[in-house]
Amino acid sequence: MSTALITQECLRVRLLPFLFVLSIVAYIDRINVGFAALQMQGLLGFNDEVYGLGAGIFFLGYLLFQIPSSRVLEGLGARRWIAFLLLAWGIVSASILFIRGHGVFTCCGSCSASQKRDFSLE
């Protein structure tokens, strides 16, 4: 068996299932902001304009961090970069618990988008 076939088999068996699970979790987390809007509007007093701004900044972060994230991935390697992103993603997701106002919601949205960009399906 050639080294190219061994490498392809290794990727297929070890890396693709892991990336598939990460993509599913990132998608669920991304659409979760829509479900959270119902609770945030009532509990925190967010109106549609504030929620729309926060959600828009969230998706703008996906666009802005796409190229820089790919460049860092080339420099660090996939193993280190995915580990860093998962750690940062967990910290930012946990910090969403402390949202008490409009500015914090917008800030957490943009930070969250910067970590999850590499796992999106687009």
PDB file of N, CA and C in Angstrom:
ATOM      1  N   MET A   1       0.839  -1.175   0.000  1.00  0.00           N
ATOM      2  CA  MET A   1       0.000   0.000   0.000  1.00  0.00           C
ATOM      3  C   MET A   1       0.890   1.246   0.000  1.00  0.00           C
ATOM      4  N   SER A   2       0.567   2.215  -0.838  1.00  0.00           N
ATOM      5  CA  SER A   2       1.389   3.423  -0.918  1.00  0.00           C
ATOM      6  C   SER A   2       1.109   4.356   0.263  1.00  0.00           C
ATOM      7  N   THR A   3       2.034   5.286   0.464  1.00  0.00           N
ATOM      8  CA  THR A   3       1.874   6.211   1.584  1.00  0.00           C
ATOM      9  C   THR A   3       0.674   7.139   1.377  1.00  0.00           C
ATOM     10  N   ALA A   4       0.340   7.448   0.142  1.00  0.00           N
ATOM     11  CA  ALA A   4      -0.824   8.307  -0.127  1.00  0.00           C
ATOM     12  C   ALA A   4      -2.115   7.609   0.299  1.00  0.00           C
ATOM     13  N   LEU A   5      -2.215   6.317   0.005  1.00  0.00           N
ATOM     14  CA  LEU A   5      -3.403   5.566   0.409  1.00  0.00           C
ATOM     15  C   LEU A   5      -3.480   5.417   1.928  1.00  0.00           C
ATOM     16  N   ILE A   6      -2.354   5.216   2.562  1.00  0.00           N
ATOM     17  CA  ILE A   6      -2.330   5.108   4.029  1.00  0.00           C
ATOM     18  C   ILE A   6      -2.763   6.431   4.655  1.00  0.00           C
ATOM     19  N   THR A   7      -2.291   7.533   4.098  1.00  0.00           N
ATOM     20  CA  THR A   7      -2.660   8.855   4.612  1.00  0.00           C
ATOM     21  C   THR A   7      -4.150   9.110   4.422  1.00  0.00           C
ATOM     22  N   GLN A   8      -4.682   8.770   3.266  1.00  0.00           N
ATOM     23  CA  GLN A   8      -6.105   8.949   3.022  1.00  0.00           C
ATOM     24  C   GLN A   8      -6.947   8.105   3.972  1.00  0.00           C
ATOM     25  N   GLU A   9      -6.535   6.894   4.214  1.00  0.00           N
ATOM     26  CA  GLU A   9      -7.260   6.007   5.136  1.00  0.00           C
ATOM     27  C   GLU A   9      -7.230   6.572   6.552  1.00  0.00           C
ATOM     28  N   CYS A  10      -6.063   7.071   6.946  1.00  0.00           N
ATOM     29  CA  CYS A  10      -5.924   7.660   8.282  1.00  0.00           C
ATOM     30  C   CYS A  10      -6.845   8.865   8.436  1.00  0.00           C
ATOM     31  N   LEU A  11      -6.888   9.721   7.422  1.00  0.00           N
ATOM     32  CA  LEU A  11      -7.771  10.884   7.459  1.00  0.00           C
ATOM     33  C   LEU A  11      -9.237  10.468   7.523  1.00  0.00           C
ATOM     34  N   ARG A  12      -9.583   9.491   6.723  1.00  0.00           N
ATOM     35  CA  ARG A  12     -10.965   9.043   6.671  1.00  0.00           C
ATOM     36  C   ARG A  12     -11.413   8.453   8.000  1.00  0.00           C
ATOM     37  N   VAL A  13     -10.562   7.703   8.643  1.00  0.00           N
ATOM     38  CA  VAL A  13     -10.943   7.003   9.866  1.00  0.00           C
ATOM     39  C   VAL A  13     -10.813   7.881  11.106  1.00  0.00           C
ATOM     40  N   ARG A  14      -9.789   8.709  11.179  1.00  0.00           N
ATOM     41  CA  ARG A  14      -9.514   9.444  12.406  1.00  0.00           C
ATOM     42  C   ARG A  14      -9.983  10.890  12.395  1.00  0.00           C
ATOM     43  N   LEU A  15      -9.786  11.598  11.309  1.00  0.00           N
ATOM     44  CA  LEU A  15     -10.046  13.032  11.301  1.00  0.00           C
ATOM     45  C   LEU A  15     -11.466  13.389  10.870  1.00  0.00           C
ATOM     46  N   LEU A  16     -11.984  12.759   9.847  1.00  0.00           N
ATOM     47  CA  LEU A  16     -13.296  13.138   9.333  1.00  0.00           C
ATOM     48  C   LEU A  16     -14.429  12.955  10.342  1.00  0.00           C
ATOM     49  N   PRO A  17     -14.496  11.852  11.096  1.00  0.00           N
ATOM     50  CA  PRO A  17     -15.567  11.763  12.104  1.00  0.00           C
ATOM     51  C   PRO A  17     -15.476  12.867  13.158  1.00  0.00           C
ATOM     52  N   PHE A  18     -14.267  13.197  13.578  1.00  0.00           N
ATOM     53  CA  PHE A  18     -14.069  14.252  14.569  1.00  0.00           C
ATOM     54  C   PHE A  18     -14.530  15.598  14.012  1.00  0.00           C
ATOM     55  N   LEU A  19     -14.151  15.930  12.781  1.00  0.00           N
ATOM     56  CA  LEU A  19     -14.566  17.182  12.167  1.00  0.00           C
ATOM     57  C   LEU A  19     -16.068  17.222  11.898  1.00  0.00           C
ATOM     58  N   PHE A  20     -16.648  16.081  11.596  1.00  0.00           N
ATOM     59  CA  PHE A  20     -18.091  16.013  11.396  1.00  0.00           C
ATOM     60  C   PHE A  20     -18.833  16.351  12.689  1.00  0.00           C
ATOM     61  N   VAL A  21     -18.404  15.776  13.801  1.00  0.00           N
ATOM     62  CA  VAL A  21     -19.033  16.060  15.095  1.00  0.00           C
ATOM     63  C   VAL A  21     -18.860  17.535  15.456  1.00  0.00           C
ATOM     64  N   LEU A  22     -17.669  18.088  15.241  1.00  0.00           N
ATOM     65  CA  LEU A  22     -17.444  19.497  15.529  1.00  0.00           C
ATOM     66  C   LEU A  22     -18.336  20.394  14.669  1.00  0.00           C
ATOM     67  N   SER A  23     -18.537  20.038  13.426  1.00  0.00           N
ATOM     68  CA  SER A  23     -19.400  20.832  12.546  1.00  0.00           C
ATOM     69  C   SER A  23     -20.846  20.804  13.014  1.00  0.00           C
ATOM     70  N   ILE A  24     -21.320  19.659  13.448  1.00  0.00           N
ATOM     71  CA  ILE A  24     -22.692  19.544  13.951  1.00  0.00           C
ATOM     72  C   ILE A  24     -22.867  20.379  15.212  1.00  0.00           C
ATOM     73  N   VAL A  25     -21.920  20.298  16.123  1.00  0.00           N
ATOM     74  CA  VAL A  25     -21.998  21.071  17.368  1.00  0.00           C
ATOM     75  C   VAL A  25     -21.938  22.568  17.078  1.00  0.00           C
ATOM     76  N   ALA A  26     -21.088  22.984  16.154  1.00  0.00           N
ATOM     77  CA  ALA A  26     -20.989  24.399  15.795  1.00  0.00           C
ATOM     78  C   ALA A  26     -22.294  24.886  15.174  1.00  0.00           C
ATOM     79  N   TYR A  27     -22.917  24.068  14.346  1.00  0.00           N
ATOM     80  CA  TYR A  27     -24.182  24.452  13.729  1.00  0.00           C
ATOM     81  C   TYR A  27     -25.273  24.602  14.785  1.00  0.00           C
ATOM     82  N   ILE A  28     -25.353  23.653  15.688  1.00  0.00           N
ATOM     83  CA  ILE A  28     -26.349  23.728  16.761  1.00  0.00           C
ATOM     84  C   ILE A  28     -26.114  24.969  17.616  1.00  0.00           C
ATOM     85  N   ASP A  29     -24.868  25.250  17.930  1.00  0.00           N
ATOM     86  CA  ASP A  29     -24.555  26.413  18.742  1.00  0.00           C
ATOM     87  C   ASP A  29     -24.886  27.703  17.997  1.00  0.00           C
ATOM     88  N   ARG A  30     -24.671  27.719  16.695  1.00  0.00           N
ATOM     89  CA  ARG A  30     -24.941  28.907  15.894  1.00  0.00           C
ATOM     90  C   ARG A  30     -26.431  29.196  15.818  1.00  0.00           C
ATOM     91  N   ILE A  31     -27.267  28.172  15.627  1.00  0.00           N
ATOM     92  CA  ILE A  31     -28.709  28.412  15.544  1.00  0.00           C
ATOM     93  C   ILE A  31     -29.332  28.581  16.925  1.00  0.00           C
ATOM     94  N   ASN A  32     -28.602  28.209  17.966  1.00  0.00           N
ATOM     95  CA  ASN A  32     -29.115  28.340  19.316  1.00  0.00           C
ATOM     96  C   ASN A  32     -29.380  29.792  19.682  1.00  0.00           C
ATOM     97  N   VAL A  33     -28.678  30.726  19.076  1.00  0.00           N
ATOM     98  CA  VAL A  33     -28.872  32.139  19.368  1.00  0.00           C
ATOM     99  C   VAL A  33     -30.297  32.565  18.997  1.00  0.00           C
ATOM    100  N   GLY A  34     -30.871  31.935  18.008  1.00  0.00           N
ATOM    101  CA  GLY A  34     -32.258  32.224  17.641  1.00  0.00           C
ATOM    102  C   GLY A  34     -33.241  31.751  18.690  1.00  0.00           C
ATOM    103  N   PHE A  35     -32.984  30.593  19.267  1.00  0.00           N
ATOM    104  CA  PHE A  35     -33.856  30.098  20.334  1.00  0.00           C
ATOM    105  C   PHE A  35     -33.688  30.920  21.605  1.00  0.00           C
ATOM    106  N   ALA A  36     -32.487  31.379  21.851  1.00  0.00           N
ATOM    107  CA  ALA A  36     -32.215  32.169  23.057  1.00  0.00           C
ATOM    108  C   ALA A  36     -32.871  33.541  22.980  1.00  0.00           C
ATOM    109  N   ALA A  37     -33.178  34.015  21.781  1.00  0.00           N
ATOM    110  CA  ALA A  37     -33.777  35.343  21.635  1.00  0.00           C
ATOM    111  C   ALA A  37     -35.101  35.430  22.379  1.00  0.00           C
ATOM    112  N   LEU A  38     -35.848  34.370  22.376  1.00  0.00           N
ATOM    113  CA  LEU A  38     -37.133  34.389  23.061  1.00  0.00           C
ATOM    114  C   LEU A  38     -36.963  34.669  24.550  1.00  0.00           C
ATOM    115  N   GLN A  39     -35.991  34.030  25.175  1.00  0.00           N
ATOM    116  CA  GLN A  39     -35.750  34.239  26.593  1.00  0.00           C
ATOM    117  C   GLN A  39     -35.075  35.580  26.863  1.00  0.00           C
ATOM    118  N   MET A  40     -34.115  35.966  26.035  1.00  0.00           N
ATOM    119  CA  MET A  40     -33.380  37.210  26.270  1.00  0.00           C
ATOM    120  C   MET A  40     -34.281  38.428  26.129  1.00  0.00           C
ATOM    121  N   GLN A  41     -35.200  38.380  25.200  1.00  0.00           N
ATOM    122  CA  GLN A  41     -36.071  39.532  25.013  1.00  0.00           C
ATOM    123  C   GLN A  41     -36.956  39.744  26.235  1.00  0.00           C
ATOM    124  N   GLY A  42     -37.377  38.676  26.869  1.00  0.00           N
ATOM    125  CA  GLY A  42     -38.217  38.808  28.052  1.00  0.00           C
ATOM    126  C   GLY A  42     -37.428  39.108  29.316  1.00  0.00           C
ATOM    127  N   LEU A  43     -36.360  38.372  29.546  1.00  0.00           N
ATOM    128  CA  LEU A  43     -35.609  38.498  30.799  1.00  0.00           C
ATOM    129  C   LEU A  43     -34.693  39.704  30.842  1.00  0.00           C
ATOM    130  N   LEU A  44     -34.044  40.024  29.741  1.00  0.00           N
ATOM    131  CA  LEU A  44     -33.067  41.109  29.728  1.00  0.00           C
ATOM    132  C   LEU A  44     -33.597  42.397  29.111  1.00  0.00           C
ATOM    133  N   GLY A  45     -34.811  42.361  28.612  1.00  0.00           N
ATOM    134  CA  GLY A  45     -35.398  43.556  28.041  1.00  0.00           C
ATOM    135  C   GLY A  45     -34.842  43.930  26.685  1.00  0.00           C
ATOM    136  N   PHE A  46     -34.332  42.976  25.936  1.00  0.00           N
ATOM    137  CA  PHE A  46     -33.821  43.256  24.598  1.00  0.00           C
ATOM    138  C   PHE A  46     -35.005  43.469  23.653  1.00  0.00           C
ATOM    139  N   ASN A  47     -34.921  44.476  22.819  1.00  0.00           N
ATOM    140  CA  ASN A  47     -35.916  44.618  21.765  1.00  0.00           C
ATOM    141  C   ASN A  47     -35.363  43.982  20.491  1.00  0.00           C
ATOM    142  N   ASP A  48     -36.145  44.009  19.438  1.00  0.00           N
ATOM    143  CA  ASP A  48     -35.717  43.366  18.188  1.00  0.00           C
ATOM    144  C   ASP A  48     -34.476  44.024  17.593  1.00  0.00           C
ATOM    145  N   GLU A  49     -34.340  45.333  17.782  1.00  0.00           N
ATOM    146  CA  GLU A  49     -33.189  46.047  17.234  1.00  0.00           C
ATOM    147  C   GLU A  49     -31.885  45.611  17.901  1.00  0.00           C
ATOM    148  N   VAL A  50     -31.892  45.493  19.223  1.00  0.00           N
ATOM    149  CA  VAL A  50     -30.692  45.074  19.964  1.00  0.00           C
ATOM    150  C   VAL A  50     -30.330  43.646  19.606  1.00  0.00           C
ATOM    151  N   TYR A  51     -31.323  42.778  19.571  1.00  0.00           N
ATOM    152  CA  TYR A  51     -31.061  41.385  19.220  1.00  0.00           C
ATOM    153  C   TYR A  51     -30.541  41.268  17.788  1.00  0.00           C
ATOM    154  N   GLY A  52     -31.136  42.014  16.869  1.00  0.00           N
ATOM    155  CA  GLY A  52     -30.686  41.991  15.476  1.00  0.00           C
ATOM    156  C   GLY A  52     -29.255  42.475  15.317  1.00  0.00           C
ATOM    157  N   LEU A  53     -28.886  43.518  16.062  1.00  0.00           N
ATOM    158  CA  LEU A  53     -27.509  44.010  16.010  1.00  0.00           C
ATOM    159  C   LEU A  53     -26.536  42.951  16.528  1.00  0.00           C
ATOM    160  N   GLY A  54     -26.868  42.336  17.660  1.00  0.00           N
ATOM    161  CA  GLY A  54     -25.989  41.302  18.229  1.00  0.00           C
ATOM    162  C   GLY A  54     -25.847  40.106  17.312  1.00  0.00           C
ATOM    163  N   ALA A  55     -26.954  39.664  16.732  1.00  0.00           N
ATOM    164  CA  ALA A  55     -26.900  38.521  15.813  1.00  0.00           C
ATOM    165  C   ALA A  55     -26.164  38.889  14.527  1.00  0.00           C
ATOM    166  N   GLY A  56     -26.344  40.117  14.059  1.00  0.00           N
ATOM    167  CA  GLY A  56     -25.639  40.557  12.857  1.00  0.00           C
ATOM    168  C   GLY A  56     -24.140  40.629  13.067  1.00  0.00           C
ATOM    169  N   ILE A  57     -23.719  41.124  14.217  1.00  0.00           N
ATOM    170  CA  ILE A  57     -22.280  41.182  14.541  1.00  0.00           C
ATOM    171  C   ILE A  57     -21.731  39.755  14.637  1.00  0.00           C
ATOM    172  N   PHE A  58     -22.526  38.847  15.161  1.00  0.00           N
ATOM    173  CA  PHE A  58     -22.122  37.444  15.256  1.00  0.00           C
ATOM    174  C   PHE A  58     -21.787  36.890  13.872  1.00  0.00           C
ATOM    175  N   PHE A  59     -22.652  37.104  12.898  1.00  0.00           N
ATOM    176  CA  PHE A  59     -22.407  36.564  11.560  1.00  0.00           C
ATOM    177  C   PHE A  59     -21.370  37.381  10.796  1.00  0.00           C
ATOM    178  N   LEU A  60     -21.230  38.654  11.114  1.00  0.00           N
ATOM    179  CA  LEU A  60     -20.165  39.453  10.519  1.00  0.00           C
ATOM    180  C   LEU A  60     -18.794  38.934  10.960  1.00  0.00           C
ATOM    181  N   GLY A  61     -18.719  38.461  12.209  1.00  0.00           N
ATOM    182  CA  GLY A  61     -17.475  37.878  12.703  1.00  0.00           C
ATOM    183  C   GLY A  61     -17.055  36.651  11.906  1.00  0.00           C
ATOM    184  N   TYR A  62     -18.032  35.860  11.457  1.00  0.00           N
ATOM    185  CA  TYR A  62     -17.708  34.716  10.608  1.00  0.00           C
ATOM    186  C   TYR A  62     -16.965  35.173   9.358  1.00  0.00           C
ATOM    187  N   LEU A  63     -17.468  36.220   8.754  1.00  0.00           N
ATOM    188  CA  LEU A  63     -16.876  36.718   7.519  1.00  0.00           C
ATOM    189  C   LEU A  63     -15.494  37.331   7.755  1.00  0.00           C
ATOM    190  N   LEU A  64     -15.357  38.131   8.799  1.00  0.00           N
ATOM    191  CA  LEU A  64     -14.104  38.840   9.041  1.00  0.00           C
ATOM    192  C   LEU A  64     -12.954  37.931   9.470  1.00  0.00           C
ATOM    193  N   PHE A  65     -13.249  36.855  10.170  1.00  0.00           N
ATOM    194  CA  PHE A  65     -12.195  36.004  10.701  1.00  0.00           C
ATOM    195  C   PHE A  65     -11.870  34.804   9.811  1.00  0.00           C
ATOM    196  N   GLN A  66     -12.496  34.697   8.661  1.00  0.00           N
ATOM    197  CA  GLN A  66     -12.272  33.534   7.805  1.00  0.00           C
ATOM    198  C   GLN A  66     -10.837  33.462   7.287  1.00  0.00           C
ATOM    199  N   ILE A  67     -10.335  34.501   6.682  1.00  0.00           N
ATOM    200  CA  ILE A  67      -8.992  34.471   6.100  1.00  0.00           C
ATOM    201  C   ILE A  67      -7.903  34.465   7.170  1.00  0.00           C
ATOM    202  N   PRO A  68      -7.974  35.341   8.197  1.00  0.00           N
ATOM    203  CA  PRO A  68      -6.919  35.276   9.227  1.00  0.00           C
ATOM    204  C   PRO A  68      -6.852  33.921   9.922  1.00  0.00           C
ATOM    205  N   SER A  69      -8.004  33.308  10.129  1.00  0.00           N
ATOM    206  CA  SER A  69      -8.009  32.015  10.781  1.00  0.00           C
ATOM    207  C   SER A  69      -7.343  30.946   9.913  1.00  0.00           C
ATOM    208  N   SER A  70      -7.563  31.022   8.618  1.00  0.00           N
ATOM    209  CA  SER A  70      -6.924  30.056   7.709  1.00  0.00           C
ATOM    210  C   SER A  70      -5.415  30.250   7.673  1.00  0.00           C
ATOM    211  N   ARG A  71      -4.970  31.487   7.766  1.00  0.00           N
ATOM    212  CA  ARG A  71      -3.523  31.755   7.776  1.00  0.00           C
ATOM    213  C   ARG A  71      -2.877  31.216   9.048  1.00  0.00           C
ATOM    214  N   VAL A  72      -3.535  31.402  10.185  1.00  0.00           N
ATOM    215  CA  VAL A  72      -3.000  30.879  11.450  1.00  0.00           C
ATOM    216  C   VAL A  72      -2.982  29.364  11.414  1.00  0.00           C
ATOM    217  N   LEU A  73      -4.013  28.764  10.824  1.00  0.00           N
ATOM    218  CA  LEU A  73      -4.072  27.307  10.698  1.00  0.00           C
ATOM    219  C   LEU A  73      -2.868  26.780   9.922  1.00  0.00           C
ATOM    220  N   GLU A  74      -2.483  27.458   8.857  1.00  0.00           N
ATOM    221  CA  GLU A  74      -1.315  27.046   8.081  1.00  0.00           C
ATOM    222  C   GLU A  74      -0.043  27.119   8.910  1.00  0.00           C
ATOM    223  N   GLY A  75       0.056  28.142   9.748  1.00  0.00           N
ATOM    224  CA  GLY A  75       1.276  28.338  10.536  1.00  0.00           C
ATOM    225  C   GLY A  75       1.383  27.395  11.741  1.00  0.00           C
ATOM    226  N   LEU A  76       0.279  27.182  12.447  1.00  0.00           N
ATOM    227  CA  LEU A  76       0.320  26.372  13.668  1.00  0.00           C
ATOM    228  C   LEU A  76       0.107  24.880  13.425  1.00  0.00           C
ATOM    229  N   GLY A  77      -0.665  24.558  12.437  1.00  0.00           N
ATOM    230  CA  GLY A  77      -1.030  23.169  12.207  1.00  0.00           C
ATOM    231  C   GLY A  77      -2.417  22.899  12.775  1.00  0.00           C
ATOM    232  N   ALA A  78      -3.070  21.906  12.210  1.00  0.00           N
ATOM    233  CA  ALA A  78      -4.465  21.623  12.562  1.00  0.00           C
ATOM    234  C   ALA A  78      -4.634  21.201  14.015  1.00  0.00           C
ATOM    235  N   ARG A  79      -3.775  20.356  14.520  1.00  0.00           N
ATOM    236  CA  ARG A  79      -3.940  19.834  15.874  1.00  0.00           C
ATOM    237  C   ARG A  79      -3.917  20.956  16.907  1.00  0.00           C
ATOM    238  N   ARG A  80      -2.948  21.828  16.844  1.00  0.00           N
ATOM    239  CA  ARG A  80      -2.842  22.922  17.818  1.00  0.00           C
ATOM    240  C   ARG A  80      -3.960  23.943  17.631  1.00  0.00           C
ATOM    241  N   TRP A  81      -4.276  24.267  16.390  1.00  0.00           N
ATOM    242  CA  TRP A  81      -5.266  25.293  16.138  1.00  0.00           C
ATOM    243  C   TRP A  81      -6.664  24.836  16.557  1.00  0.00           C
ATOM    244  N   ILE A  82      -7.026  23.584  16.264  1.00  0.00           N
ATOM    245  CA  ILE A  82      -8.335  23.073  16.675  1.00  0.00           C
ATOM    246  C   ILE A  82      -8.418  22.994  18.195  1.00  0.00           C
ATOM    247  N   ALA A  83      -7.350  22.576  18.850  1.00  0.00           N
ATOM    248  CA  ALA A  83      -7.349  22.534  20.317  1.00  0.00           C
ATOM    249  C   ALA A  83      -7.531  23.929  20.904  1.00  0.00           C
ATOM    250  N   PHE A  84      -6.829  24.917  20.356  1.00  0.00           N
ATOM    251  CA  PHE A  84      -6.980  26.289  20.832  1.00  0.00           C
ATOM    252  C   PHE A  84      -8.397  26.797  20.610  1.00  0.00           C
ATOM    253  N   LEU A  85      -8.939  26.550  19.412  1.00  0.00           N
ATOM    254  CA  LEU A  85     -10.287  27.024  19.110  1.00  0.00           C
ATOM    255  C   LEU A  85     -11.331  26.400  20.024  1.00  0.00           C
ATOM    256  N   LEU A  86     -11.196  25.120  20.303  1.00  0.00           N
ATOM    257  CA  LEU A  86     -12.155  24.467  21.192  1.00  0.00           C
ATOM    258  C   LEU A  86     -12.087  25.034  22.602  1.00  0.00           C
ATOM    259  N   LEU A  87     -10.893  25.302  23.092  1.00  0.00           N
ATOM    260  CA  LEU A  87     -10.738  25.892  24.415  1.00  0.00           C
ATOM    261  C   LEU A  87     -11.336  27.305  24.447  1.00  0.00           C
ATOM    262  N   ALA A  88     -11.016  28.106  23.456  1.00  0.00           N
ATOM    263  CA  ALA A  88     -11.550  29.472  23.394  1.00  0.00           C
ATOM    264  C   ALA A  88     -13.066  29.460  23.214  1.00  0.00           C
ATOM    265  N   TRP A  89     -13.575  28.541  22.431  1.00  0.00           N
ATOM    266  CA  TRP A  89     -15.009  28.406  22.195  1.00  0.00           C
ATOM    267  C   TRP A  89     -15.721  28.089  23.505  1.00  0.00           C
ATOM    268  N   GLY A  90     -15.173  27.184  24.283  1.00  0.00           N
ATOM    269  CA  GLY A  90     -15.761  26.841  25.573  1.00  0.00           C
ATOM    270  C   GLY A  90     -15.775  28.018  26.538  1.00  0.00           C
ATOM    271  N   ILE A  91     -14.688  28.777  26.561  1.00  0.00           N
ATOM    272  CA  ILE A  91     -14.614  29.937  27.461  1.00  0.00           C
ATOM    273  C   ILE A  91     -15.639  30.997  27.055  1.00  0.00           C
ATOM    274  N   VAL A  92     -15.712  31.295  25.769  1.00  0.00           N
ATOM    275  CA  VAL A  92     -16.663  32.313  25.309  1.00  0.00           C
ATOM    276  C   VAL A  92     -18.099  31.837  25.506  1.00  0.00           C
ATOM    277  N   SER A  93     -18.367  30.573  25.231  1.00  0.00           N
ATOM    278  CA  SER A  93     -19.725  30.049  25.422  1.00  0.00           C
ATOM    279  C   SER A  93     -20.136  30.096  26.886  1.00  0.00           C
ATOM    280  N   ALA A  94     -19.197  29.796  27.778  1.00  0.00           N
ATOM    281  CA  ALA A  94     -19.508  29.872  29.208  1.00  0.00           C
ATOM    282  C   ALA A  94     -19.694  31.313  29.662  1.00  0.00           C
ATOM    283  N   SER A  95     -18.989  32.252  29.031  1.00  0.00           N
ATOM    284  CA  SER A  95     -19.124  33.654  29.433  1.00  0.00           C
ATOM    285  C   SER A  95     -20.467  34.248  29.025  1.00  0.00           C
ATOM    286  N   ILE A  96     -21.155  33.621  28.106  1.00  0.00           N
ATOM    287  CA  ILE A  96     -22.474  34.095  27.706  1.00  0.00           C
ATOM    288  C   ILE A  96     -23.450  34.006  28.886  1.00  0.00           C
ATOM    289  N   LEU A  97     -23.143  33.175  29.854  1.00  0.00           N
ATOM    290  CA  LEU A  97     -23.948  33.074  31.066  1.00  0.00           C
ATOM    291  C   LEU A  97     -24.035  34.410  31.792  1.00  0.00           C
ATOM    292  N   PHE A  98     -23.024  35.251  31.663  1.00  0.00           N
ATOM    293  CA  PHE A  98     -22.950  36.493  32.411  1.00  0.00           C
ATOM    294  C   PHE A  98     -23.494  37.703  31.643  1.00  0.00           C
ATOM    295  N   ILE A  99     -24.210  37.486  30.551  1.00  0.00           N
ATOM    296  CA  ILE A  99     -24.772  38.597  29.781  1.00  0.00           C
ATOM    297  C   ILE A  99     -25.835  39.283  30.624  1.00  0.00           C
ATOM    298  N   ARG A 100     -25.655  40.580  30.804  1.00  0.00           N
ATOM    299  CA  ARG A 100     -26.619  41.381  31.558  1.00  0.00           C
ATOM    300  C   ARG A 100     -27.044  42.630  30.805  1.00  0.00           C
ATOM    301  N   GLY A 101     -26.424  42.884  29.651  1.00  0.00           N
ATOM    302  CA  GLY A 101     -26.768  44.089  28.910  1.00  0.00           C
ATOM    303  C   GLY A 101     -26.486  43.957  27.435  1.00  0.00           C
ATOM    304  N   HIS A 102     -26.806  45.013  26.705  1.00  0.00           N
ATOM    305  CA  HIS A 102     -26.697  45.018  25.255  1.00  0.00           C
ATOM    306  C   HIS A 102     -25.253  44.930  24.771  1.00  0.00           C
ATOM    307  N   GLY A 103     -24.359  45.688  25.394  1.00  0.00           N
ATOM    308  CA  GLY A 103     -22.960  45.715  24.955  1.00  0.00           C
ATOM    309  C   GLY A 103     -22.265  44.383  25.146  1.00  0.00           C
ATOM    310  N   VAL A 104     -22.542  43.726  26.267  1.00  0.00           N
ATOM    311  CA  VAL A 104     -21.925  42.424  26.542  1.00  0.00           C
ATOM    312  C   VAL A 104     -22.439  41.377  25.555  1.00  0.00           C
ATOM    313  N   PHE A 105     -23.713  41.453  25.203  1.00  0.00           N
ATOM    314  CA  PHE A 105     -24.293  40.529  24.225  1.00  0.00           C
ATOM    315  C   PHE A 105     -23.596  40.671  22.872  1.00  0.00           C
ATOM    316  N   THR A 106     -23.389  41.910  22.436  1.00  0.00           N
ATOM    317  CA  THR A 106     -22.732  42.165  21.156  1.00  0.00           C
ATOM    318  C   THR A 106     -21.278  41.688  21.189  1.00  0.00           C
ATOM    319  N   CYS A 107     -20.578  41.954  22.285  1.00  0.00           N
ATOM    320  CA  CYS A 107     -19.178  41.544  22.420  1.00  0.00           C
ATOM    321  C   CYS A 107     -19.052  40.022  22.414  1.00  0.00           C
ATOM    322  N   CYS A 108     -19.907  39.347  23.171  1.00  0.00           N
ATOM    323  CA  CYS A 108     -19.850  37.875  23.204  1.00  0.00           C
ATOM    324  C   CYS A 108     -20.184  37.283  21.843  1.00  0.00           C
ATOM    325  N   GLY A 109     -21.098  37.911  21.115  1.00  0.00           N
ATOM    326  CA  GLY A 109     -21.440  37.423  19.778  1.00  0.00           C
ATOM    327  C   GLY A 109     -20.266  37.488  18.828  1.00  0.00           C
ATOM    328  N   SER A 110     -19.532  38.590  18.859  1.00  0.00           N
ATOM    329  CA  SER A 110     -18.397  38.706  17.940  1.00  0.00           C
ATOM    330  C   SER A 110     -17.250  37.786  18.352  1.00  0.00           C
ATOM    331  N   CYS A 111     -17.012  37.633  19.649  1.00  0.00           N
ATOM    332  CA  CYS A 111     -15.956  36.723  20.113  1.00  0.00           C
ATOM    333  C   CYS A 111     -16.305  35.276  19.786  1.00  0.00           C
ATOM    334  N   SER A 112     -17.564  34.921  19.960  1.00  0.00           N
ATOM    335  CA  SER A 112     -17.996  33.561  19.676  1.00  0.00           C
ATOM    336  C   SER A 112     -17.839  33.235  18.196  1.00  0.00           C
ATOM    337  N   ALA A 113     -18.153  34.178  17.340  1.00  0.00           N
ATOM    338  CA  ALA A 113     -18.022  33.950  15.897  1.00  0.00           C
ATOM    339  C   ALA A 113     -16.565  33.751  15.500  1.00  0.00           C
ATOM    340  N   SER A 114     -15.664  34.448  16.180  1.00  0.00           N
ATOM    341  CA  SER A 114     -14.261  34.323  15.802  1.00  0.00           C
ATOM    342  C   SER A 114     -13.729  32.924  16.081  1.00  0.00           C
ATOM    343  N   GLN A 115     -14.224  32.247  17.107  1.00  0.00           N
ATOM    344  CA  GLN A 115     -13.762  30.892  17.390  1.00  0.00           C
ATOM    345  C   GLN A 115     -14.450  29.850  16.522  1.00  0.00           C
ATOM    346  N   LYS A 116     -15.709  30.045  16.243  1.00  0.00           N
ATOM    347  CA  LYS A 116     -16.466  29.012  15.549  1.00  0.00           C
ATOM    348  C   LYS A 116     -16.323  29.064  14.040  1.00  0.00           C
ATOM    349  N   ARG A 117     -15.635  30.031  13.522  1.00  0.00           N
ATOM    350  CA  ARG A 117     -15.528  30.195  12.081  1.00  0.00           C
ATOM    351  C   ARG A 117     -14.948  28.957  11.399  1.00  0.00           C
ATOM    352  N   ASP A 118     -13.976  28.327  12.004  1.00  0.00           N
ATOM    353  CA  ASP A 118     -13.331  27.198  11.342  1.00  0.00           C
ATOM    354  C   ASP A 118     -14.205  25.955  11.277  1.00  0.00           C
ATOM    355  N   PHE A 119     -15.263  25.906  12.040  1.00  0.00           N
ATOM    356  CA  PHE A 119     -16.099  24.718  12.069  1.00  0.00           C
ATOM    357  C   PHE A 119     -17.386  24.876  11.296  1.00  0.00           C
ATOM    358  N   SER A 120     -17.586  26.030  10.647  1.00  0.00           N
ATOM    359  CA  SER A 120     -18.840  26.227   9.923  1.00  0.00           C
ATOM    360  C   SER A 120     -18.836  25.408   8.637  1.00  0.00           C
ATOM    361  N   LEU A 121     -20.004  25.159   8.143  1.00  0.00           N
ATOM    362  CA  LEU A 121     -20.160  24.310   6.961  1.00  0.00           C
ATOM    363  C   LEU A 121     -20.130  25.085   5.648  1.00  0.00           C
ATOM    364  N   GLU A 122     -20.104  26.424   5.705  1.00  0.00           N
ATOM    365  CA  GLU A 122     -20.087  27.198   4.464  1.00  0.00           C
ATOM    366  C   GLU A 122     -18.704  27.203   3.889  1.00  0.00           C
TER     367      GLU A 122
END
